[in-house]
N, C-alpha and C. Protein backbone atom coordinates (compact mmCIF):
# COMPACT_ATOMS: atom_id res chain seq x y z
N MET A 1 -1.86 69.58 -7.79
CA MET A 1 -2.93 68.62 -7.67
C MET A 1 -2.97 68.01 -6.27
N SER A 2 -1.80 67.86 -5.65
CA SER A 2 -1.74 67.26 -4.31
C SER A 2 -2.40 68.17 -3.28
N LEU A 3 -2.24 69.47 -3.45
CA LEU A 3 -2.90 70.39 -2.52
C LEU A 3 -4.41 70.32 -2.66
N MET A 4 -4.88 70.13 -3.87
CA MET A 4 -6.33 69.99 -4.08
C MET A 4 -6.84 68.69 -3.44
N THR A 5 -6.06 67.62 -3.52
CA THR A 5 -6.44 66.37 -2.87
C THR A 5 -6.47 66.53 -1.35
N LEU A 6 -5.49 67.25 -0.82
CA LEU A 6 -5.45 67.51 0.61
C LEU A 6 -6.65 68.37 1.03
N LEU A 7 -6.97 69.38 0.23
CA LEU A 7 -8.14 70.21 0.50
C LEU A 7 -9.43 69.39 0.43
N LEU A 8 -9.51 68.47 -0.52
CA LEU A 8 -10.67 67.60 -0.63
C LEU A 8 -10.81 66.71 0.61
N ALA A 9 -9.69 66.17 1.10
CA ALA A 9 -9.73 65.32 2.29
C ALA A 9 -10.18 66.11 3.51
N VAL A 10 -9.68 67.32 3.67
CA VAL A 10 -10.07 68.14 4.81
C VAL A 10 -11.54 68.54 4.70
N ALA A 11 -11.99 68.89 3.49
CA ALA A 11 -13.39 69.26 3.29
C ALA A 11 -14.32 68.08 3.55
N CYS A 12 -13.94 66.89 3.08
CA CYS A 12 -14.76 65.69 3.34
C CYS A 12 -14.84 65.40 4.83
N ASN A 13 -13.73 65.53 5.53
CA ASN A 13 -13.72 65.30 6.97
C ASN A 13 -14.60 66.32 7.68
N ALA A 14 -14.55 67.58 7.24
CA ALA A 14 -15.39 68.60 7.87
C ALA A 14 -16.87 68.34 7.62
N LEU A 15 -17.21 67.95 6.40
CA LEU A 15 -18.61 67.65 6.10
C LEU A 15 -19.11 66.46 6.92
N VAL A 16 -18.30 65.43 7.00
CA VAL A 16 -18.69 64.26 7.79
C VAL A 16 -18.83 64.65 9.26
N ALA A 17 -17.89 65.46 9.76
CA ALA A 17 -17.93 65.84 11.17
C ALA A 17 -19.13 66.71 11.51
N PHE A 18 -19.51 67.60 10.61
CA PHE A 18 -20.63 68.50 10.91
C PHE A 18 -21.98 67.88 10.61
N LEU A 19 -22.10 67.11 9.54
CA LEU A 19 -23.40 66.63 9.11
C LEU A 19 -23.71 65.20 9.54
N LEU A 20 -22.71 64.34 9.53
CA LEU A 20 -22.98 62.92 9.71
C LEU A 20 -22.68 62.42 11.12
N LEU A 21 -21.56 62.82 11.71
CA LEU A 21 -21.16 62.25 12.99
C LEU A 21 -22.15 62.53 14.13
N PRO A 22 -22.70 63.74 14.27
CA PRO A 22 -23.66 63.91 15.38
C PRO A 22 -24.87 62.98 15.28
N GLN A 23 -25.36 62.74 14.06
CA GLN A 23 -26.49 61.83 13.90
C GLN A 23 -26.08 60.38 14.18
N LEU A 24 -24.88 60.02 13.79
CA LEU A 24 -24.43 58.64 14.00
C LEU A 24 -24.13 58.37 15.47
N VAL A 25 -23.67 59.39 16.21
CA VAL A 25 -23.44 59.20 17.64
C VAL A 25 -24.76 58.96 18.34
N GLU A 26 -25.79 59.70 17.95
CA GLU A 26 -27.11 59.53 18.57
C GLU A 26 -27.73 58.18 18.23
N GLY A 27 -27.53 57.72 16.98
CA GLY A 27 -28.19 56.51 16.54
C GLY A 27 -27.35 55.25 16.65
N ALA A 28 -26.17 55.34 17.22
CA ALA A 28 -25.31 54.15 17.31
C ALA A 28 -25.90 53.15 18.30
N HIS A 29 -25.98 51.91 17.85
CA HIS A 29 -26.58 50.87 18.68
C HIS A 29 -25.56 50.19 19.57
N SER A 30 -24.33 50.07 19.11
CA SER A 30 -23.32 49.38 19.90
C SER A 30 -22.39 50.40 20.57
N GLY A 31 -21.78 49.95 21.62
CA GLY A 31 -20.83 50.81 22.35
C GLY A 31 -19.58 51.10 21.55
N HIS A 32 -19.18 50.12 20.72
CA HIS A 32 -17.97 50.33 19.91
C HIS A 32 -18.19 51.42 18.88
N ALA A 33 -19.34 51.41 18.24
CA ALA A 33 -19.63 52.44 17.23
C ALA A 33 -19.71 53.81 17.88
N ARG A 34 -20.35 53.88 19.03
CA ARG A 34 -20.47 55.16 19.73
C ARG A 34 -19.08 55.68 20.13
N ALA A 35 -18.22 54.80 20.61
CA ALA A 35 -16.86 55.20 20.99
C ALA A 35 -16.06 55.66 19.76
N LEU A 36 -16.24 54.98 18.64
CA LEU A 36 -15.56 55.37 17.41
C LEU A 36 -15.97 56.76 16.97
N PHE A 37 -17.27 57.04 16.98
CA PHE A 37 -17.75 58.34 16.52
C PHE A 37 -17.39 59.44 17.50
N GLN A 38 -17.46 59.16 18.79
CA GLN A 38 -17.09 60.17 19.77
C GLN A 38 -15.59 60.47 19.71
N GLY A 39 -14.79 59.44 19.48
CA GLY A 39 -13.35 59.66 19.32
C GLY A 39 -13.03 60.47 18.09
N TRP A 40 -13.74 60.18 17.02
CA TRP A 40 -13.54 60.93 15.78
C TRP A 40 -13.92 62.40 15.97
N MET A 41 -15.05 62.65 16.63
CA MET A 41 -15.47 64.04 16.88
C MET A 41 -14.50 64.74 17.81
N TRP A 42 -13.99 64.05 18.83
CA TRP A 42 -13.01 64.64 19.74
C TRP A 42 -11.74 65.02 18.98
N PHE A 43 -11.26 64.13 18.12
CA PHE A 43 -10.05 64.42 17.35
C PHE A 43 -10.27 65.60 16.41
N ASP A 44 -11.43 65.68 15.78
CA ASP A 44 -11.71 66.80 14.88
C ASP A 44 -11.73 68.12 15.64
N ARG A 45 -12.35 68.13 16.80
CA ARG A 45 -12.41 69.37 17.58
C ARG A 45 -11.04 69.80 18.07
N LYS A 46 -10.26 68.85 18.57
CA LYS A 46 -8.93 69.20 19.07
C LYS A 46 -7.99 69.62 17.95
N SER A 47 -8.10 69.00 16.80
CA SER A 47 -7.25 69.41 15.68
C SER A 47 -7.66 70.77 15.15
N ALA A 48 -8.94 71.11 15.25
CA ALA A 48 -9.36 72.45 14.83
C ALA A 48 -8.88 73.51 15.82
N MET A 49 -8.80 73.16 17.09
CA MET A 49 -8.37 74.13 18.10
C MET A 49 -6.85 74.25 18.16
N TYR A 50 -6.14 73.13 18.09
CA TYR A 50 -4.70 73.14 18.33
C TYR A 50 -3.87 72.68 17.15
N GLY A 51 -4.48 72.48 15.99
CA GLY A 51 -3.74 72.00 14.83
C GLY A 51 -2.75 72.99 14.28
N TRP A 52 -2.93 74.26 14.60
CA TRP A 52 -2.01 75.29 14.11
C TRP A 52 -0.64 75.15 14.77
N ALA A 53 -0.57 74.66 16.00
CA ALA A 53 0.71 74.61 16.72
C ALA A 53 1.70 73.64 16.07
N PRO A 54 1.32 72.39 15.72
CA PRO A 54 2.31 71.54 15.05
C PRO A 54 2.68 72.05 13.66
N ILE A 55 1.74 72.72 12.99
CA ILE A 55 2.07 73.29 11.68
C ILE A 55 3.09 74.41 11.85
N ALA A 56 2.88 75.28 12.84
CA ALA A 56 3.82 76.37 13.09
C ALA A 56 5.18 75.84 13.53
N ALA A 57 5.19 74.84 14.40
CA ALA A 57 6.46 74.25 14.84
C ALA A 57 7.16 73.56 13.67
N GLY A 58 6.40 72.88 12.83
CA GLY A 58 6.99 72.23 11.66
C GLY A 58 7.56 73.24 10.68
N LEU A 59 6.86 74.36 10.49
CA LEU A 59 7.39 75.41 9.60
C LEU A 59 8.66 76.03 10.17
N LEU A 60 8.71 76.21 11.49
CA LEU A 60 9.95 76.73 12.10
C LEU A 60 11.09 75.74 11.95
N ALA A 61 10.81 74.46 12.18
CA ALA A 61 11.86 73.44 12.00
C ALA A 61 12.30 73.37 10.55
N TRP A 62 11.36 73.44 9.61
CA TRP A 62 11.69 73.44 8.19
C TRP A 62 12.53 74.65 7.84
N ASP A 63 12.19 75.81 8.40
CA ASP A 63 12.95 77.03 8.14
C ASP A 63 14.38 76.89 8.64
N TYR A 64 14.54 76.29 9.81
CA TYR A 64 15.88 76.17 10.38
C TYR A 64 16.71 75.08 9.69
N LEU A 65 16.10 73.96 9.36
CA LEU A 65 16.86 72.82 8.85
C LEU A 65 16.99 72.80 7.32
N VAL A 66 15.96 73.18 6.59
CA VAL A 66 15.94 72.99 5.14
C VAL A 66 16.15 74.28 4.38
N TRP A 67 15.44 75.32 4.76
CA TRP A 67 15.35 76.52 3.94
C TRP A 67 16.51 77.48 4.14
N LYS A 68 17.44 77.19 5.03
CA LYS A 68 18.46 78.16 5.39
C LYS A 68 19.41 78.51 4.26
N GLU A 69 19.61 77.63 3.29
CA GLU A 69 20.55 77.96 2.22
C GLU A 69 19.97 78.89 1.16
N ALA A 70 18.65 78.98 1.03
CA ALA A 70 18.07 79.80 -0.03
C ALA A 70 17.03 80.79 0.50
N ARG A 71 17.03 81.04 1.78
CA ARG A 71 15.98 81.91 2.34
C ARG A 71 16.26 83.38 2.07
N PRO A 72 15.25 84.11 1.64
CA PRO A 72 15.42 85.55 1.52
C PRO A 72 15.47 86.18 2.91
N LYS A 73 16.26 87.24 3.06
CA LYS A 73 16.50 87.81 4.39
C LYS A 73 15.22 88.36 5.03
N VAL A 74 14.51 89.23 4.33
CA VAL A 74 13.36 89.89 4.95
C VAL A 74 12.21 88.93 5.15
N ARG A 75 11.86 88.16 4.13
CA ARG A 75 10.72 87.25 4.25
C ARG A 75 11.01 86.16 5.27
N GLY A 76 12.22 85.64 5.29
CA GLY A 76 12.57 84.62 6.27
C GLY A 76 12.50 85.14 7.69
N TRP A 77 13.00 86.34 7.91
CA TRP A 77 12.95 86.94 9.23
C TRP A 77 11.51 87.18 9.66
N PHE A 78 10.70 87.70 8.76
CA PHE A 78 9.30 88.04 9.06
C PHE A 78 8.50 86.78 9.38
N THR A 79 8.66 85.75 8.58
CA THR A 79 7.90 84.52 8.84
C THR A 79 8.33 83.86 10.15
N ARG A 80 9.63 83.88 10.45
CA ARG A 80 10.09 83.31 11.72
C ARG A 80 9.52 84.07 12.91
N LYS A 81 9.51 85.38 12.82
CA LYS A 81 8.97 86.19 13.93
C LYS A 81 7.48 85.96 14.11
N LEU A 82 6.74 85.90 13.02
CA LEU A 82 5.29 85.64 13.12
C LEU A 82 5.01 84.29 13.78
N LEU A 83 5.72 83.26 13.32
CA LEU A 83 5.48 81.92 13.88
C LEU A 83 5.91 81.83 15.34
N THR A 84 7.04 82.47 15.67
CA THR A 84 7.50 82.45 17.06
C THR A 84 6.53 83.18 17.97
N LEU A 85 6.02 84.34 17.53
CA LEU A 85 5.04 85.07 18.34
C LEU A 85 3.75 84.28 18.48
N SER A 86 3.35 83.61 17.43
CA SER A 86 2.13 82.81 17.49
C SER A 86 2.28 81.66 18.49
N LEU A 87 3.40 80.96 18.44
CA LEU A 87 3.63 79.87 19.39
C LEU A 87 3.75 80.39 20.82
N ALA A 88 4.42 81.54 21.00
CA ALA A 88 4.55 82.11 22.34
C ALA A 88 3.19 82.54 22.88
N ALA A 89 2.35 83.12 22.02
CA ALA A 89 1.02 83.53 22.45
C ALA A 89 0.15 82.32 22.79
N GLY A 90 0.38 81.21 22.11
CA GLY A 90 -0.38 80.00 22.42
C GLY A 90 0.04 79.36 23.72
N VAL A 91 1.30 79.54 24.11
CA VAL A 91 1.81 78.93 25.34
C VAL A 91 1.59 79.85 26.54
N ALA A 92 1.51 81.16 26.33
CA ALA A 92 1.44 82.12 27.44
C ALA A 92 0.26 81.88 28.39
N PRO A 93 -0.96 81.59 27.91
CA PRO A 93 -2.03 81.36 28.89
C PRO A 93 -1.86 80.09 29.72
N ILE A 94 -0.99 79.19 29.29
CA ILE A 94 -0.78 77.95 30.03
C ILE A 94 0.17 78.17 31.22
N LEU A 95 1.02 79.20 31.13
CA LEU A 95 1.99 79.47 32.19
C LEU A 95 1.27 79.78 33.50
N PRO A 96 1.81 79.32 34.60
CA PRO A 96 1.18 79.62 35.90
C PRO A 96 1.22 81.13 36.19
N TRP A 97 0.32 81.58 37.04
CA TRP A 97 0.19 83.01 37.30
C TRP A 97 1.39 83.56 38.06
N TRP A 98 2.15 82.72 38.77
CA TRP A 98 3.26 83.24 39.55
C TRP A 98 4.52 83.48 38.71
N ILE A 99 4.52 83.04 37.45
CA ILE A 99 5.63 83.36 36.55
C ILE A 99 5.30 84.67 35.86
N PRO A 100 6.03 85.75 36.14
CA PRO A 100 5.64 87.05 35.59
C PRO A 100 5.92 87.19 34.10
N ALA A 101 6.84 86.44 33.56
CA ALA A 101 7.20 86.59 32.15
C ALA A 101 6.10 86.01 31.28
N GLY A 102 5.66 86.77 30.32
CA GLY A 102 4.72 86.28 29.33
C GLY A 102 3.26 86.36 29.71
N GLN A 103 2.93 86.93 30.86
CA GLN A 103 1.52 87.05 31.22
C GLN A 103 0.88 88.16 30.41
N PRO A 104 -0.21 87.88 29.72
CA PRO A 104 -0.86 88.92 28.94
C PRO A 104 -1.53 89.95 29.85
N PRO A 105 -1.69 91.19 29.38
CA PRO A 105 -2.34 92.21 30.20
C PRO A 105 -3.81 91.89 30.44
N GLY A 106 -4.38 92.52 31.44
CA GLY A 106 -5.76 92.28 31.81
C GLY A 106 -6.76 92.66 30.73
N GLN A 107 -6.46 93.72 29.97
CA GLN A 107 -7.35 94.12 28.88
C GLN A 107 -7.43 93.02 27.81
N PHE A 108 -6.30 92.43 27.51
CA PHE A 108 -6.28 91.36 26.52
C PHE A 108 -7.08 90.17 27.01
N MET A 109 -6.95 89.83 28.28
CA MET A 109 -7.69 88.70 28.82
C MET A 109 -9.20 88.98 28.84
N SER A 110 -9.60 90.23 29.11
CA SER A 110 -11.03 90.55 29.07
C SER A 110 -11.57 90.49 27.64
N MET A 111 -10.74 90.87 26.65
CA MET A 111 -11.16 90.78 25.26
C MET A 111 -11.34 89.30 24.85
N ILE A 112 -10.43 88.46 25.31
CA ILE A 112 -10.54 87.03 25.01
C ILE A 112 -11.79 86.45 25.67
N ALA A 113 -12.13 86.93 26.87
CA ALA A 113 -13.33 86.43 27.55
C ALA A 113 -14.58 86.80 26.76
N LYS A 114 -14.57 87.96 26.09
CA LYS A 114 -15.73 88.36 25.29
C LYS A 114 -15.84 87.54 24.01
N TYR A 115 -14.71 87.25 23.38
CA TYR A 115 -14.67 86.52 22.11
C TYR A 115 -13.82 85.26 22.29
N PRO A 116 -14.40 84.16 22.71
CA PRO A 116 -13.61 82.98 23.05
C PRO A 116 -12.90 82.33 21.85
N GLY A 117 -13.39 82.52 20.64
CA GLY A 117 -12.74 81.91 19.49
C GLY A 117 -11.64 82.75 18.88
N LEU A 118 -11.42 83.94 19.42
CA LEU A 118 -10.45 84.87 18.84
C LEU A 118 -9.01 84.35 18.86
N PRO A 119 -8.49 83.79 19.95
CA PRO A 119 -7.10 83.32 19.92
C PRO A 119 -6.85 82.24 18.87
N VAL A 120 -7.78 81.32 18.73
CA VAL A 120 -7.62 80.26 17.74
C VAL A 120 -7.66 80.84 16.33
N LEU A 121 -8.58 81.77 16.11
CA LEU A 121 -8.69 82.43 14.81
C LEU A 121 -7.41 83.19 14.47
N LEU A 122 -6.86 83.90 15.44
CA LEU A 122 -5.63 84.65 15.19
C LEU A 122 -4.45 83.71 14.92
N ALA A 123 -4.38 82.61 15.66
CA ALA A 123 -3.28 81.66 15.44
C ALA A 123 -3.37 81.03 14.05
N TRP A 124 -4.57 80.60 13.64
CA TRP A 124 -4.73 80.04 12.30
C TRP A 124 -4.45 81.09 11.24
N ALA A 125 -4.84 82.36 11.50
CA ALA A 125 -4.59 83.43 10.53
C ALA A 125 -3.09 83.66 10.36
N VAL A 126 -2.33 83.62 11.44
CA VAL A 126 -0.87 83.80 11.34
C VAL A 126 -0.26 82.67 10.53
N VAL A 127 -0.67 81.43 10.79
CA VAL A 127 -0.13 80.31 10.03
C VAL A 127 -0.50 80.42 8.56
N LEU A 128 -1.73 80.85 8.28
CA LEU A 128 -2.15 81.04 6.89
C LEU A 128 -1.35 82.13 6.20
N VAL A 129 -1.11 83.24 6.87
CA VAL A 129 -0.31 84.33 6.29
C VAL A 129 1.10 83.86 5.99
N VAL A 130 1.69 83.11 6.90
CA VAL A 130 3.05 82.60 6.68
C VAL A 130 3.07 81.64 5.51
N LEU A 131 2.09 80.75 5.43
CA LEU A 131 2.04 79.81 4.30
C LEU A 131 1.85 80.53 2.97
N VAL A 132 1.02 81.56 2.96
CA VAL A 132 0.83 82.33 1.73
C VAL A 132 2.12 83.04 1.35
N LEU A 133 2.80 83.63 2.33
CA LEU A 133 4.07 84.30 2.04
C LEU A 133 5.12 83.32 1.50
N LEU A 134 5.12 82.12 2.03
CA LEU A 134 6.09 81.13 1.56
C LEU A 134 5.73 80.60 0.17
N CYS A 135 4.46 80.45 -0.10
CA CYS A 135 4.04 79.84 -1.37
C CYS A 135 3.94 80.85 -2.51
N ILE A 136 4.07 82.13 -2.24
CA ILE A 136 4.04 83.12 -3.32
C ILE A 136 5.25 82.93 -4.24
N ASP A 137 6.40 82.71 -3.64
CA ASP A 137 7.63 82.53 -4.40
C ASP A 137 7.76 81.06 -4.82
N ALA A 138 8.05 80.85 -6.10
CA ALA A 138 8.12 79.48 -6.62
C ALA A 138 9.25 78.69 -5.99
N GLU A 139 10.38 79.33 -5.74
CA GLU A 139 11.53 78.61 -5.18
C GLU A 139 11.25 78.15 -3.75
N SER A 140 10.70 79.04 -2.92
CA SER A 140 10.39 78.63 -1.55
C SER A 140 9.25 77.62 -1.51
N ARG A 141 8.31 77.71 -2.47
CA ARG A 141 7.23 76.72 -2.55
C ARG A 141 7.80 75.34 -2.88
N ASP A 142 8.77 75.29 -3.79
CA ASP A 142 9.41 74.01 -4.10
C ASP A 142 10.17 73.46 -2.91
N TYR A 143 10.86 74.34 -2.15
CA TYR A 143 11.55 73.88 -0.96
C TYR A 143 10.57 73.34 0.08
N LEU A 144 9.41 74.00 0.20
CA LEU A 144 8.43 73.61 1.21
C LEU A 144 7.68 72.34 0.82
N LEU A 145 7.18 72.31 -0.40
CA LEU A 145 6.32 71.20 -0.82
C LEU A 145 7.06 70.09 -1.54
N GLY A 146 8.33 70.30 -1.83
CA GLY A 146 9.06 69.32 -2.61
C GLY A 146 8.56 69.36 -4.04
N HIS A 147 8.74 68.31 -4.75
CA HIS A 147 8.26 68.25 -6.13
C HIS A 147 6.94 67.50 -6.21
N GLY A 148 6.27 67.35 -5.09
CA GLY A 148 4.93 66.80 -5.09
C GLY A 148 4.83 65.34 -4.70
N LYS A 149 5.93 64.63 -4.57
CA LYS A 149 5.84 63.20 -4.29
C LYS A 149 5.37 62.93 -2.87
N VAL A 150 6.02 63.57 -1.90
CA VAL A 150 5.65 63.34 -0.50
C VAL A 150 4.27 63.92 -0.21
N LEU A 151 4.01 65.11 -0.75
CA LEU A 151 2.71 65.72 -0.55
C LEU A 151 1.59 64.88 -1.17
N SER A 152 1.87 64.27 -2.32
CA SER A 152 0.87 63.39 -2.94
C SER A 152 0.58 62.19 -2.06
N LEU A 153 1.62 61.59 -1.50
CA LEU A 153 1.42 60.44 -0.62
C LEU A 153 0.65 60.83 0.64
N VAL A 154 1.00 61.96 1.23
CA VAL A 154 0.32 62.40 2.45
C VAL A 154 -1.14 62.72 2.16
N SER A 155 -1.40 63.45 1.08
CA SER A 155 -2.78 63.84 0.79
C SER A 155 -3.65 62.64 0.41
N MET A 156 -3.12 61.72 -0.38
CA MET A 156 -3.88 60.53 -0.71
C MET A 156 -4.10 59.64 0.51
N GLY A 157 -3.09 59.56 1.37
CA GLY A 157 -3.25 58.79 2.60
C GLY A 157 -4.31 59.37 3.51
N LEU A 158 -4.32 60.69 3.64
CA LEU A 158 -5.34 61.35 4.47
C LEU A 158 -6.73 61.17 3.88
N LEU A 159 -6.85 61.28 2.57
CA LEU A 159 -8.14 61.06 1.93
C LEU A 159 -8.61 59.62 2.14
N MET A 160 -7.71 58.66 2.03
CA MET A 160 -8.08 57.26 2.24
C MET A 160 -8.48 57.00 3.70
N VAL A 161 -7.81 57.66 4.65
CA VAL A 161 -8.18 57.49 6.06
C VAL A 161 -9.58 58.03 6.31
N VAL A 162 -9.89 59.21 5.75
CA VAL A 162 -11.23 59.79 5.94
C VAL A 162 -12.29 58.89 5.31
N LEU A 163 -12.05 58.43 4.10
CA LEU A 163 -13.03 57.57 3.44
C LEU A 163 -13.18 56.23 4.15
N THR A 164 -12.08 55.66 4.61
CA THR A 164 -12.13 54.39 5.33
C THR A 164 -12.88 54.54 6.65
N MET A 165 -12.60 55.62 7.38
CA MET A 165 -13.31 55.85 8.64
C MET A 165 -14.81 56.04 8.40
N THR A 166 -15.16 56.71 7.31
CA THR A 166 -16.58 56.91 7.00
C THR A 166 -17.26 55.58 6.70
N VAL A 167 -16.63 54.75 5.89
CA VAL A 167 -17.23 53.46 5.53
C VAL A 167 -17.28 52.53 6.75
N VAL A 168 -16.21 52.48 7.53
CA VAL A 168 -16.20 51.63 8.73
C VAL A 168 -17.25 52.12 9.73
N GLY A 169 -17.36 53.42 9.87
CA GLY A 169 -18.37 53.97 10.78
C GLY A 169 -19.78 53.65 10.34
N TRP A 170 -20.02 53.76 9.05
CA TRP A 170 -21.34 53.44 8.55
C TRP A 170 -21.64 51.95 8.73
N ALA A 171 -20.63 51.11 8.49
CA ALA A 171 -20.83 49.68 8.66
C ALA A 171 -21.08 49.33 10.13
N ALA A 172 -20.49 50.08 11.03
CA ALA A 172 -20.66 49.80 12.46
C ALA A 172 -22.06 50.17 12.96
N THR A 173 -22.75 51.02 12.24
CA THR A 173 -24.08 51.42 12.70
C THR A 173 -25.17 50.44 12.26
N TYR A 174 -24.89 49.58 11.33
CA TYR A 174 -25.90 48.65 10.84
C TYR A 174 -25.67 47.26 11.28
């Protein structure tokens, strides 16, 4: 049930960001309301672009600190390699050109230039595959999600933040 609440919070935030925030930014009468809506839109865009990195880093930390006593050999190795490659691929374009290690080939860079959303899509796909692999097994799902108490608090808190921001934003426009 907590995952459904979390999904509901993310879906509500996406609907508000796509349908409501652009209209509210245009129609905001005060500077504070405009800054609130622009900040909210900026945060939504950045979390959509780079939100996979903290999830991948958190899964790697969870794998190293929590899951080590009950991890299956093949699945644990595979998920660690996928997450490590995903994080390395996300950091590689940031490296300066004079560092030869980790520079992607020219063909890969030309492919990225043709499809600008491809790296983000691939990174989110890797995180999704790892999460699916972890949640298939009931034991690893319990290790990852706990027994639902923390996840319930996080998902309800996120839902309340989205609803509160929506109501405060609406109140700021009138």
